[in-house]
Amino acid sequence: MTVHYHLNDLPAGLDLGPVVAIDSETMGLNLHRDRLCVVQLSAGDGDAHVVHYPKPEWNSPNLVRMLADPKVVKLFHFARFDVAKLRHHFGVRIDPVFCTKIASRLTRTNTESHSLKTLVKEFLGIDLSKVQQSSDWGAPSLTEDQLAYAASDVLYLHQLKARFEILLDREGRRELAEACFRFLPDRAELDLAGWPEEDIFSH
């Protein structure tokens, strides 16, 4: 594994392929209050690219161009948060999307455990460390442990996607999953507009 560190943006001309695994690290889980600190990406080739924002500034035209590209599938675990966060900070609508957490909920109905740590352990036999999850991502520089943690959140998503493609077909829920994925950008808009918890489809 190689972790490529970038300040404020991806290098010009970097091609991460047709499916890019993406995650983000923030100062907290409030979409409007807590700033974006890190965006990590992987092409599924065993390498990770970590874009660091040590200051609350977002001049990332190369990253935004990739996020907005309709020919690139953006692969997340719990896409709802990241899609909304990236929308809020970059102003970009992220589509198309694949979310391994939604795929897990639709196919692994025998369990309530759908965390990335659980999925990577169950499907790939790898035990992810979550020690750095709540560390200070707003620090002026990132530690080696933080970089390794950030990388681990995207390195295995392509392998999980491949496993869930099989499970979605097996359980006959691919069309339902794709409908959920198409709705995710709009779900993010609802979160940002003030309906994060209310079920607007309820009576």
N, C-alpha and C. Protein backbone atom coordinates (compact mmCIF):
# COMPACT_ATOMS: atom_id res chain seq x y z
N MET A 1 0.84 -1.20 0.00
CA MET A 1 0.00 0.00 0.00
C MET A 1 0.87 1.24 0.00
N THR A 2 0.50 2.20 -0.86
CA THR A 2 1.14 3.52 -0.86
C THR A 2 0.09 4.57 -0.61
N VAL A 3 0.36 5.49 0.31
CA VAL A 3 -0.54 6.59 0.58
C VAL A 3 0.07 7.85 -0.04
N HIS A 4 -0.64 8.44 -0.99
CA HIS A 4 -0.18 9.65 -1.65
C HIS A 4 -0.83 10.85 -0.96
N TYR A 5 -0.02 11.73 -0.41
CA TYR A 5 -0.54 12.89 0.33
C TYR A 5 -0.59 14.10 -0.60
N HIS A 6 -1.73 14.78 -0.60
CA HIS A 6 -1.91 15.97 -1.44
C HIS A 6 -2.48 17.10 -0.58
N LEU A 7 -2.04 18.30 -0.82
CA LEU A 7 -2.52 19.47 -0.09
C LEU A 7 -3.56 20.20 -0.93
N ASN A 8 -4.78 20.24 -0.45
CA ASN A 8 -5.88 21.04 -1.01
C ASN A 8 -6.51 20.52 -2.31
N ASP A 9 -5.84 19.67 -3.08
CA ASP A 9 -6.44 19.19 -4.32
C ASP A 9 -5.69 17.96 -4.83
N LEU A 10 -6.35 17.24 -5.73
CA LEU A 10 -5.68 16.15 -6.44
C LEU A 10 -4.75 16.73 -7.51
N PRO A 11 -3.71 16.01 -7.87
CA PRO A 11 -2.84 16.49 -8.95
C PRO A 11 -3.60 16.56 -10.27
N ALA A 12 -3.30 17.55 -11.08
CA ALA A 12 -3.92 17.68 -12.39
C ALA A 12 -3.59 16.44 -13.23
N GLY A 13 -4.59 15.93 -13.92
CA GLY A 13 -4.38 14.80 -14.81
C GLY A 13 -4.44 13.44 -14.16
N LEU A 14 -4.62 13.38 -12.84
CA LEU A 14 -4.71 12.09 -12.17
C LEU A 14 -6.01 11.39 -12.55
N ASP A 15 -5.91 10.19 -13.09
CA ASP A 15 -7.07 9.41 -13.49
C ASP A 15 -7.21 8.22 -12.55
N LEU A 16 -8.29 8.21 -11.78
CA LEU A 16 -8.52 7.15 -10.82
C LEU A 16 -9.49 6.09 -11.35
N GLY A 17 -9.81 6.18 -12.63
CA GLY A 17 -10.61 5.13 -13.24
C GLY A 17 -12.10 5.37 -13.16
N PRO A 18 -12.89 4.39 -13.63
CA PRO A 18 -14.35 4.56 -13.72
C PRO A 18 -15.09 4.41 -12.41
N VAL A 19 -14.45 3.81 -11.40
CA VAL A 19 -15.07 3.66 -10.08
C VAL A 19 -14.06 4.12 -9.03
N VAL A 20 -14.41 5.16 -8.27
CA VAL A 20 -13.49 5.73 -7.29
C VAL A 20 -14.08 5.61 -5.90
N ALA A 21 -13.36 4.95 -5.00
CA ALA A 21 -13.77 4.87 -3.61
C ALA A 21 -13.43 6.17 -2.91
N ILE A 22 -14.38 6.71 -2.15
CA ILE A 22 -14.22 8.02 -1.53
C ILE A 22 -14.72 7.99 -0.09
N ASP A 23 -14.03 8.72 0.78
CA ASP A 23 -14.48 8.94 2.15
C ASP A 23 -14.01 10.32 2.56
N SER A 24 -14.51 10.80 3.67
CA SER A 24 -14.08 12.11 4.17
C SER A 24 -13.93 12.07 5.68
N GLU A 25 -13.09 12.97 6.17
CA GLU A 25 -12.92 13.16 7.61
C GLU A 25 -13.24 14.62 7.92
N THR A 26 -13.98 14.82 9.00
CA THR A 26 -14.44 16.16 9.36
C THR A 26 -14.17 16.42 10.84
N MET A 27 -14.48 17.63 11.26
CA MET A 27 -14.32 17.97 12.67
C MET A 27 -15.50 17.48 13.52
N GLY A 28 -16.50 16.94 12.89
CA GLY A 28 -17.67 16.43 13.59
C GLY A 28 -18.71 16.01 12.59
N LEU A 29 -19.90 15.68 13.07
CA LEU A 29 -20.94 15.13 12.20
C LEU A 29 -22.05 16.12 11.87
N ASN A 30 -21.88 17.39 12.26
CA ASN A 30 -22.85 18.42 11.90
C ASN A 30 -22.48 18.97 10.53
N LEU A 31 -23.37 18.77 9.56
CA LEU A 31 -23.04 19.11 8.18
C LEU A 31 -22.75 20.59 7.98
N HIS A 32 -23.43 21.44 8.73
CA HIS A 32 -23.25 22.88 8.54
C HIS A 32 -22.15 23.46 9.42
N ARG A 33 -21.97 22.91 10.59
CA ARG A 33 -21.02 23.47 11.56
C ARG A 33 -19.60 22.96 11.38
N ASP A 34 -19.45 21.69 11.13
CA ASP A 34 -18.13 21.05 11.22
C ASP A 34 -17.45 20.98 9.87
N ARG A 35 -16.25 21.51 9.81
CA ARG A 35 -15.58 21.68 8.52
C ARG A 35 -14.97 20.38 8.00
N LEU A 36 -14.83 20.36 6.69
CA LEU A 36 -14.17 19.26 6.00
C LEU A 36 -12.67 19.38 6.20
N CYS A 37 -12.02 18.27 6.53
CA CYS A 37 -10.58 18.27 6.79
C CYS A 37 -9.80 17.39 5.82
N VAL A 38 -10.39 16.28 5.41
CA VAL A 38 -9.68 15.31 4.58
C VAL A 38 -10.67 14.66 3.62
N VAL A 39 -10.23 14.45 2.39
CA VAL A 39 -10.94 13.58 1.46
C VAL A 39 -9.96 12.52 1.00
N GLN A 40 -10.32 11.26 1.16
CA GLN A 40 -9.44 10.18 0.74
C GLN A 40 -10.10 9.39 -0.39
N LEU A 41 -9.27 8.93 -1.32
CA LEU A 41 -9.78 8.28 -2.52
C LEU A 41 -8.89 7.10 -2.89
N SER A 42 -9.47 6.12 -3.59
CA SER A 42 -8.70 4.99 -4.10
C SER A 42 -9.32 4.50 -5.39
N ALA A 43 -8.46 4.07 -6.31
CA ALA A 43 -8.92 3.48 -7.57
C ALA A 43 -9.14 1.98 -7.44
N GLY A 44 -8.91 1.44 -6.24
CA GLY A 44 -9.04 0.00 -6.04
C GLY A 44 -7.78 -0.75 -6.40
N ASP A 45 -6.68 -0.03 -6.53
CA ASP A 45 -5.40 -0.63 -6.93
C ASP A 45 -4.45 -0.84 -5.75
N GLY A 46 -4.96 -0.67 -4.53
CA GLY A 46 -4.12 -0.85 -3.35
C GLY A 46 -3.46 0.43 -2.87
N ASP A 47 -3.61 1.52 -3.62
CA ASP A 47 -3.07 2.82 -3.22
C ASP A 47 -4.20 3.74 -2.80
N ALA A 48 -3.87 4.72 -1.97
CA ALA A 48 -4.85 5.71 -1.54
C ALA A 48 -4.28 7.11 -1.74
N HIS A 49 -5.16 8.03 -2.08
CA HIS A 49 -4.80 9.44 -2.23
C HIS A 49 -5.53 10.21 -1.13
N VAL A 50 -4.77 10.91 -0.30
CA VAL A 50 -5.34 11.65 0.82
C VAL A 50 -5.16 13.14 0.56
N VAL A 51 -6.28 13.84 0.39
CA VAL A 51 -6.26 15.29 0.18
C VAL A 51 -6.54 15.96 1.52
N HIS A 52 -5.60 16.77 1.97
CA HIS A 52 -5.67 17.37 3.30
C HIS A 52 -6.00 18.86 3.19
N TYR A 53 -6.93 19.30 4.03
CA TYR A 53 -7.29 20.72 4.11
C TYR A 53 -6.97 21.21 5.51
N PRO A 54 -5.72 21.67 5.76
CA PRO A 54 -5.36 22.13 7.10
C PRO A 54 -6.05 23.43 7.49
N LYS A 55 -6.58 24.17 6.51
CA LYS A 55 -7.34 25.39 6.77
C LYS A 55 -8.70 25.25 6.10
N PRO A 56 -9.69 25.97 6.60
CA PRO A 56 -11.05 25.86 6.03
C PRO A 56 -11.16 26.54 4.67
N GLU A 57 -10.39 26.06 3.70
CA GLU A 57 -10.42 26.60 2.34
C GLU A 57 -10.56 25.43 1.38
N TRP A 58 -11.35 25.61 0.33
CA TRP A 58 -11.63 24.51 -0.58
C TRP A 58 -11.45 24.95 -2.03
N ASN A 59 -10.22 25.05 -2.45
CA ASN A 59 -9.93 25.37 -3.85
C ASN A 59 -9.41 24.10 -4.51
N SER A 60 -10.35 23.25 -4.93
CA SER A 60 -10.00 21.92 -5.40
C SER A 60 -10.65 21.62 -6.76
N PRO A 61 -10.27 22.34 -7.81
CA PRO A 61 -10.94 22.14 -9.10
C PRO A 61 -10.76 20.75 -9.68
N ASN A 62 -9.62 20.12 -9.44
CA ASN A 62 -9.40 18.77 -9.98
C ASN A 62 -10.28 17.74 -9.28
N LEU A 63 -10.38 17.85 -7.96
CA LEU A 63 -11.25 16.95 -7.20
C LEU A 63 -12.71 17.18 -7.57
N VAL A 64 -13.11 18.43 -7.65
CA VAL A 64 -14.51 18.75 -7.97
C VAL A 64 -14.86 18.23 -9.36
N ARG A 65 -13.93 18.35 -10.31
CA ARG A 65 -14.18 17.86 -11.66
C ARG A 65 -14.45 16.35 -11.66
N MET A 66 -13.68 15.64 -10.86
CA MET A 66 -13.88 14.19 -10.77
C MET A 66 -15.21 13.87 -10.09
N LEU A 67 -15.53 14.58 -9.00
CA LEU A 67 -16.78 14.34 -8.28
C LEU A 67 -18.00 14.59 -9.16
N ALA A 68 -17.89 15.56 -10.06
CA ALA A 68 -19.03 15.94 -10.90
C ALA A 68 -19.12 15.11 -12.17
N ASP A 69 -18.12 14.30 -12.46
CA ASP A 69 -18.08 13.55 -13.71
C ASP A 69 -19.15 12.45 -13.72
N PRO A 70 -20.13 12.54 -14.61
CA PRO A 70 -21.20 11.52 -14.63
C PRO A 70 -20.72 10.15 -15.11
N LYS A 71 -19.51 10.08 -15.65
CA LYS A 71 -18.99 8.79 -16.12
C LYS A 71 -18.23 8.05 -15.03
N VAL A 72 -18.02 8.70 -13.87
CA VAL A 72 -17.29 8.09 -12.77
C VAL A 72 -18.27 7.72 -11.65
N VAL A 73 -18.29 6.44 -11.28
CA VAL A 73 -19.10 6.00 -10.15
C VAL A 73 -18.35 6.32 -8.87
N LYS A 74 -19.01 7.05 -7.97
CA LYS A 74 -18.42 7.40 -6.68
C LYS A 74 -18.87 6.36 -5.65
N LEU A 75 -17.90 5.66 -5.09
CA LEU A 75 -18.16 4.50 -4.22
C LEU A 75 -17.90 4.88 -2.77
N PHE A 76 -18.91 4.74 -1.93
CA PHE A 76 -18.82 5.14 -0.52
C PHE A 76 -19.30 4.01 0.39
N HIS A 77 -18.95 4.14 1.67
CA HIS A 77 -19.64 3.40 2.72
C HIS A 77 -20.35 4.45 3.58
N PHE A 78 -21.67 4.36 3.67
CA PHE A 78 -22.54 5.39 4.24
C PHE A 78 -22.41 6.68 3.42
N ALA A 79 -22.82 6.57 2.17
CA ALA A 79 -22.71 7.68 1.22
C ALA A 79 -23.53 8.90 1.65
N ARG A 80 -24.59 8.69 2.39
CA ARG A 80 -25.48 9.80 2.75
C ARG A 80 -24.72 10.96 3.37
N PHE A 81 -23.84 10.66 4.32
CA PHE A 81 -23.10 11.73 4.98
C PHE A 81 -22.08 12.37 4.05
N ASP A 82 -21.28 11.54 3.38
CA ASP A 82 -20.20 12.10 2.56
C ASP A 82 -20.74 12.88 1.37
N VAL A 83 -21.79 12.38 0.74
CA VAL A 83 -22.38 13.08 -0.40
C VAL A 83 -22.90 14.46 0.04
N ALA A 84 -23.55 14.50 1.20
CA ALA A 84 -24.05 15.78 1.71
C ALA A 84 -22.90 16.71 2.10
N LYS A 85 -21.88 16.15 2.74
CA LYS A 85 -20.75 16.97 3.17
C LYS A 85 -20.01 17.57 1.98
N LEU A 86 -19.74 16.76 0.98
CA LEU A 86 -19.03 17.25 -0.19
C LEU A 86 -19.89 18.23 -0.98
N ARG A 87 -21.20 17.99 -1.00
CA ARG A 87 -22.13 18.93 -1.64
C ARG A 87 -22.09 20.28 -0.94
N HIS A 88 -22.11 20.24 0.38
CA HIS A 88 -22.13 21.48 1.17
C HIS A 88 -20.85 22.29 0.97
N HIS A 89 -19.71 21.65 0.96
CA HIS A 89 -18.44 22.38 0.92
C HIS A 89 -17.98 22.70 -0.50
N PHE A 90 -18.26 21.83 -1.46
CA PHE A 90 -17.79 22.07 -2.82
C PHE A 90 -18.89 22.55 -3.76
N GLY A 91 -20.15 22.42 -3.33
CA GLY A 91 -21.25 22.85 -4.18
C GLY A 91 -21.49 21.93 -5.36
N VAL A 92 -21.03 20.69 -5.28
CA VAL A 92 -21.14 19.77 -6.40
C VAL A 92 -22.14 18.65 -6.09
N ARG A 93 -22.99 18.36 -7.05
CA ARG A 93 -23.93 17.25 -6.91
C ARG A 93 -23.22 15.97 -7.34
N ILE A 94 -23.16 15.00 -6.47
CA ILE A 94 -22.37 13.80 -6.70
C ILE A 94 -23.28 12.67 -7.18
N ASP A 95 -23.03 12.24 -8.41
CA ASP A 95 -23.87 11.23 -9.06
C ASP A 95 -23.10 10.72 -10.28
N PRO A 96 -23.10 9.42 -10.54
CA PRO A 96 -23.76 8.31 -9.84
C PRO A 96 -22.99 7.85 -8.60
N VAL A 97 -23.69 7.11 -7.75
CA VAL A 97 -23.17 6.70 -6.45
C VAL A 97 -23.43 5.20 -6.24
N PHE A 98 -22.51 4.56 -5.53
CA PHE A 98 -22.74 3.20 -5.01
C PHE A 98 -22.39 3.24 -3.53
N CYS A 99 -23.28 2.73 -2.68
CA CYS A 99 -23.06 2.75 -1.24
C CYS A 99 -23.05 1.33 -0.69
N THR A 100 -21.91 0.92 -0.13
CA THR A 100 -21.80 -0.44 0.40
C THR A 100 -22.66 -0.65 1.65
N LYS A 101 -22.96 0.43 2.37
CA LYS A 101 -23.81 0.27 3.56
C LYS A 101 -25.25 -0.03 3.16
N ILE A 102 -25.74 0.68 2.16
CA ILE A 102 -27.09 0.40 1.67
C ILE A 102 -27.15 -1.01 1.08
N ALA A 103 -26.13 -1.38 0.32
CA ALA A 103 -26.09 -2.73 -0.25
C ALA A 103 -26.10 -3.79 0.85
N SER A 104 -25.39 -3.50 1.93
CA SER A 104 -25.36 -4.43 3.05
C SER A 104 -26.72 -4.54 3.72
N ARG A 105 -27.39 -3.42 3.93
CA ARG A 105 -28.70 -3.44 4.56
C ARG A 105 -29.73 -4.19 3.70
N LEU A 106 -29.58 -4.11 2.40
CA LEU A 106 -30.54 -4.76 1.51
C LEU A 106 -30.29 -6.26 1.35
N THR A 107 -29.05 -6.69 1.60
CA THR A 107 -28.73 -8.09 1.36
C THR A 107 -28.43 -8.89 2.62
N ARG A 108 -27.88 -8.24 3.64
CA ARG A 108 -27.51 -8.96 4.86
C ARG A 108 -28.58 -8.73 5.92
N THR A 109 -29.80 -9.16 5.61
CA THR A 109 -30.93 -8.91 6.51
C THR A 109 -30.94 -9.82 7.72
N ASN A 110 -29.95 -10.69 7.80
CA ASN A 110 -29.82 -11.58 8.96
C ASN A 110 -29.07 -10.92 10.11
N THR A 111 -28.65 -9.65 9.95
CA THR A 111 -27.86 -8.97 10.97
C THR A 111 -28.17 -7.48 10.98
N GLU A 112 -27.87 -6.85 12.10
CA GLU A 112 -28.02 -5.40 12.23
C GLU A 112 -26.66 -4.71 12.17
N SER A 113 -25.61 -5.45 11.91
CA SER A 113 -24.26 -4.91 11.91
C SER A 113 -23.81 -4.65 10.47
N HIS A 114 -23.71 -3.38 10.12
CA HIS A 114 -23.38 -3.01 8.74
C HIS A 114 -22.22 -2.01 8.68
N SER A 115 -21.39 -1.97 9.72
CA SER A 115 -20.26 -1.04 9.73
C SER A 115 -19.20 -1.50 8.74
N LEU A 116 -18.36 -0.57 8.32
CA LEU A 116 -17.25 -0.92 7.42
C LEU A 116 -16.33 -1.93 8.08
N LYS A 117 -16.06 -1.73 9.35
CA LYS A 117 -15.18 -2.65 10.07
C LYS A 117 -15.73 -4.08 10.03
N THR A 118 -17.04 -4.21 10.25
CA THR A 118 -17.67 -5.53 10.23
C THR A 118 -17.60 -6.15 8.85
N LEU A 119 -17.89 -5.37 7.82
CA LEU A 119 -17.91 -5.92 6.46
C LEU A 119 -16.52 -6.35 6.00
N VAL A 120 -15.52 -5.53 6.29
CA VAL A 120 -14.15 -5.88 5.88
C VAL A 120 -13.68 -7.13 6.61
N LYS A 121 -14.05 -7.25 7.88
CA LYS A 121 -13.68 -8.45 8.64
C LYS A 121 -14.40 -9.68 8.10
N GLU A 122 -15.71 -9.55 7.86
CA GLU A 122 -16.51 -10.71 7.44
C GLU A 122 -16.16 -11.19 6.04
N PHE A 123 -16.00 -10.25 5.11
CA PHE A 123 -15.79 -10.62 3.71
C PHE A 123 -14.32 -10.81 3.34
N LEU A 124 -13.44 -10.03 3.97
CA LEU A 124 -12.04 -10.03 3.56
C LEU A 124 -11.09 -10.55 4.62
N GLY A 125 -11.59 -10.79 5.83
CA GLY A 125 -10.75 -11.31 6.90
C GLY A 125 -9.72 -10.32 7.42
N ILE A 126 -9.99 -9.03 7.24
CA ILE A 126 -9.07 -7.98 7.68
C ILE A 126 -9.69 -7.21 8.84
N ASP A 127 -8.93 -7.03 9.90
CA ASP A 127 -9.43 -6.34 11.09
C ASP A 127 -8.97 -4.89 11.06
N LEU A 128 -9.88 -3.96 10.71
CA LEU A 128 -9.53 -2.55 10.62
C LEU A 128 -9.44 -1.92 12.01
N SER A 129 -8.43 -1.10 12.19
CA SER A 129 -8.31 -0.34 13.43
C SER A 129 -9.11 0.95 13.31
N LYS A 130 -9.89 1.27 14.33
CA LYS A 130 -10.67 2.51 14.34
C LYS A 130 -10.17 3.48 15.41
N VAL A 131 -8.94 3.29 15.85
CA VAL A 131 -8.37 4.12 16.92
C VAL A 131 -8.35 5.60 16.54
N GLN A 132 -8.06 5.89 15.27
CA GLN A 132 -7.91 7.28 14.84
C GLN A 132 -9.22 7.94 14.40
N GLN A 133 -10.31 7.22 14.51
CA GLN A 133 -11.58 7.72 13.98
C GLN A 133 -11.95 9.10 14.54
N SER A 134 -11.75 9.31 15.82
CA SER A 134 -12.13 10.57 16.46
C SER A 134 -10.92 11.45 16.77
N SER A 135 -9.83 11.25 16.04
CA SER A 135 -8.65 12.08 16.27
C SER A 135 -8.87 13.47 15.68
N ASP A 136 -7.92 14.37 15.88
CA ASP A 136 -8.05 15.76 15.44
C ASP A 136 -7.69 15.88 13.96
N TRP A 137 -8.69 15.79 13.10
CA TRP A 137 -8.46 15.87 11.66
C TRP A 137 -8.24 17.31 11.20
N GLY A 138 -8.49 18.27 12.07
CA GLY A 138 -8.26 19.67 11.72
C GLY A 138 -6.86 20.16 12.04
N ALA A 139 -6.00 19.25 12.48
CA ALA A 139 -4.62 19.63 12.83
C ALA A 139 -3.86 20.13 11.59
N PRO A 140 -2.84 20.96 11.80
CA PRO A 140 -2.07 21.50 10.66
C PRO A 140 -1.36 20.42 9.85
N SER A 141 -1.03 19.30 10.48
CA SER A 141 -0.41 18.19 9.76
C SER A 141 -1.00 16.89 10.28
N LEU A 142 -0.98 15.87 9.44
CA LEU A 142 -1.53 14.57 9.79
C LEU A 142 -0.42 13.62 10.19
N THR A 143 -0.70 12.78 11.16
CA THR A 143 0.28 11.78 11.59
C THR A 143 0.26 10.59 10.64
N GLU A 144 1.26 9.75 10.73
CA GLU A 144 1.29 8.54 9.92
C GLU A 144 0.11 7.63 10.26
N ASP A 145 -0.26 7.60 11.54
CA ASP A 145 -1.40 6.78 11.93
C ASP A 145 -2.70 7.31 11.32
N GLN A 146 -2.85 8.64 11.27
CA GLN A 146 -4.04 9.21 10.65
C GLN A 146 -4.09 8.91 9.15
N LEU A 147 -2.97 9.02 8.49
CA LEU A 147 -2.91 8.74 7.06
C LEU A 147 -3.27 7.27 6.78
N ALA A 148 -2.75 6.38 7.61
CA ALA A 148 -3.04 4.96 7.45
C ALA A 148 -4.52 4.68 7.68
N TYR A 149 -5.10 5.33 8.69
CA TYR A 149 -6.52 5.15 8.97
C TYR A 149 -7.36 5.67 7.81
N ALA A 150 -7.03 6.86 7.32
CA ALA A 150 -7.78 7.45 6.21
C ALA A 150 -7.73 6.53 5.00
N ALA A 151 -6.56 5.99 4.73
CA ALA A 151 -6.41 5.08 3.59
C ALA A 151 -7.25 3.82 3.76
N SER A 152 -7.29 3.29 4.97
CA SER A 152 -8.00 2.02 5.19
C SER A 152 -9.50 2.15 4.94
N ASP A 153 -10.03 3.36 5.02
CA ASP A 153 -11.46 3.56 4.80
C ASP A 153 -11.86 3.47 3.33
N VAL A 154 -10.89 3.51 2.42
CA VAL A 154 -11.22 3.43 0.99
C VAL A 154 -10.56 2.27 0.26
N LEU A 155 -9.55 1.67 0.86
CA LEU A 155 -8.77 0.64 0.17
C LEU A 155 -9.56 -0.62 -0.16
N TYR A 156 -10.61 -0.92 0.60
CA TYR A 156 -11.29 -2.20 0.45
C TYR A 156 -12.69 -2.08 -0.15
N LEU A 157 -13.09 -0.85 -0.50
CA LEU A 157 -14.46 -0.66 -0.96
C LEU A 157 -14.73 -1.32 -2.32
N HIS A 158 -13.74 -1.34 -3.20
CA HIS A 158 -13.95 -2.00 -4.49
C HIS A 158 -14.20 -3.50 -4.30
N GLN A 159 -13.46 -4.11 -3.39
CA GLN A 159 -13.66 -5.54 -3.13
C GLN A 159 -15.03 -5.80 -2.53
N LEU A 160 -15.47 -4.90 -1.63
CA LEU A 160 -16.80 -5.06 -1.05
C LEU A 160 -17.88 -4.87 -2.12
N LYS A 161 -17.68 -3.89 -2.98
CA LYS A 161 -18.66 -3.66 -4.05
C LYS A 161 -18.82 -4.92 -4.90
N ALA A 162 -17.73 -5.56 -5.24
CA ALA A 162 -17.81 -6.78 -6.05
C ALA A 162 -18.60 -7.87 -5.33
N ARG A 163 -18.41 -7.99 -4.03
CA ARG A 163 -19.15 -9.01 -3.27
C ARG A 163 -20.64 -8.66 -3.22
N PHE A 164 -20.93 -7.37 -3.06
CA PHE A 164 -22.34 -6.98 -2.96
C PHE A 164 -23.05 -7.03 -4.30
N GLU A 165 -22.33 -6.85 -5.40
CA GLU A 165 -22.95 -7.02 -6.72
C GLU A 165 -23.52 -8.45 -6.82
N ILE A 166 -22.76 -9.41 -6.34
CA ILE A 166 -23.21 -10.81 -6.37
C ILE A 166 -24.42 -11.01 -5.45
N LEU A 167 -24.34 -10.46 -4.24
CA LEU A 167 -25.43 -10.63 -3.28
C LEU A 167 -26.71 -9.94 -3.73
N LEU A 168 -26.59 -8.75 -4.32
CA LEU A 168 -27.77 -8.04 -4.79
C LEU A 168 -28.49 -8.84 -5.88
N ASP A 169 -27.71 -9.44 -6.77
CA ASP A 169 -28.31 -10.28 -7.81
C ASP A 169 -28.92 -11.55 -7.19
N ARG A 170 -28.21 -12.15 -6.25
CA ARG A 170 -28.69 -13.37 -5.62
C ARG A 170 -30.03 -13.17 -4.91
N GLU A 171 -30.15 -12.01 -4.23
CA GLU A 171 -31.37 -11.73 -3.46
C GLU A 171 -32.43 -11.00 -4.28
N GLY A 172 -32.15 -10.72 -5.55
CA GLY A 172 -33.12 -10.06 -6.41
C GLY A 172 -33.39 -8.62 -6.02
N ARG A 173 -32.37 -7.93 -5.52
CA ARG A 173 -32.59 -6.57 -5.02
C ARG A 173 -31.71 -5.52 -5.71
N ARG A 174 -31.19 -5.86 -6.88
CA ARG A 174 -30.33 -4.91 -7.58
C ARG A 174 -31.10 -3.65 -7.98
N GLU A 175 -32.29 -3.82 -8.57
CA GLU A 175 -33.06 -2.65 -9.00
C GLU A 175 -33.42 -1.77 -7.82
N LEU A 176 -33.75 -2.37 -6.69
CA LEU A 176 -34.08 -1.60 -5.50
C LEU A 176 -32.85 -0.84 -5.01
N ALA A 177 -31.68 -1.49 -5.02
CA ALA A 177 -30.44 -0.83 -4.61
C ALA A 177 -30.12 0.33 -5.53
N GLU A 178 -30.27 0.14 -6.83
CA GLU A 178 -29.95 1.21 -7.78
C GLU A 178 -30.90 2.39 -7.61
N ALA A 179 -32.16 2.11 -7.25
CA ALA A 179 -33.11 3.20 -6.98
C ALA A 179 -32.67 3.98 -5.75
N CYS A 180 -32.20 3.27 -4.73
CA CYS A 180 -31.69 3.93 -3.52
C CYS A 180 -30.47 4.78 -3.85
N PHE A 181 -29.57 4.24 -4.66
CA PHE A 181 -28.36 4.98 -5.02
C PHE A 181 -28.72 6.26 -5.80
N ARG A 182 -29.69 6.16 -6.69
CA ARG A 182 -30.10 7.35 -7.47
C ARG A 182 -30.69 8.41 -6.57
N PHE A 183 -31.35 7.98 -5.47
CA PHE A 183 -31.99 8.93 -4.57
C PHE A 183 -31.00 9.61 -3.62
N LEU A 184 -29.82 9.04 -3.45
CA LEU A 184 -28.88 9.56 -2.46
C LEU A 184 -28.54 11.04 -2.63
N PRO A 185 -28.28 11.54 -3.84
CA PRO A 185 -28.02 12.99 -3.95
C PRO A 185 -29.18 13.85 -3.46
N ASP A 186 -30.42 13.37 -3.68
CA ASP A 186 -31.58 14.11 -3.20
C ASP A 186 -31.75 13.96 -1.69
N ARG A 187 -31.40 12.78 -1.16
CA ARG A 187 -31.42 12.60 0.29
C ARG A 187 -30.45 13.56 0.95
N ALA A 188 -29.29 13.78 0.30
CA ALA A 188 -28.31 14.75 0.81
C ALA A 188 -28.88 16.16 0.79
N GLU A 189 -29.61 16.49 -0.28
CA GLU A 189 -30.22 17.82 -0.35
C GLU A 189 -31.23 18.02 0.78
N LEU A 190 -32.01 16.98 1.09
CA LEU A 190 -32.96 17.06 2.19
C LEU A 190 -32.24 17.27 3.52
N ASP A 191 -31.15 16.56 3.73
CA ASP A 191 -30.37 16.73 4.96
C ASP A 191 -29.88 18.16 5.09
N LEU A 192 -29.35 18.71 4.02
CA LEU A 192 -28.80 20.06 4.05
C LEU A 192 -29.89 21.13 4.17
N ALA A 193 -31.09 20.80 3.69
CA ALA A 193 -32.19 21.77 3.72
C ALA A 193 -32.95 21.77 5.04
N GLY A 194 -32.60 20.85 5.95
CA GLY A 194 -33.22 20.89 7.27
C GLY A 194 -34.12 19.72 7.61
N TRP A 195 -34.12 18.66 6.79
CA TRP A 195 -34.92 17.48 7.07
C TRP A 195 -34.03 16.26 7.29
N PRO A 196 -33.09 16.32 8.26
CA PRO A 196 -32.18 15.20 8.46
C PRO A 196 -32.82 13.98 9.12
N GLU A 197 -33.80 14.17 9.96
CA GLU A 197 -34.38 13.06 10.72
C GLU A 197 -35.82 12.77 10.34
N GLU A 198 -36.57 13.79 9.96
CA GLU A 198 -37.99 13.60 9.67
C GLU A 198 -38.20 12.74 8.43
N ASP A 199 -39.10 11.78 8.53
CA ASP A 199 -39.46 10.94 7.39
C ASP A 199 -40.53 11.67 6.60
N ILE A 200 -40.17 12.27 5.48
CA ILE A 200 -41.14 13.07 4.72
C ILE A 200 -42.18 12.20 4.04
N PHE A 201 -41.97 10.88 4.03
CA PHE A 201 -42.95 9.98 3.43
C PHE A 201 -43.96 9.48 4.46
N SER A 202 -43.76 9.84 5.71
CA SER A 202 -44.70 9.37 6.74
C SER A 202 -46.02 10.12 6.65
N HIS A 203 -47.04 9.60 7.31
CA HIS A 203 -48.39 10.17 7.26
C HIS A 203 -48.39 11.58 7.84
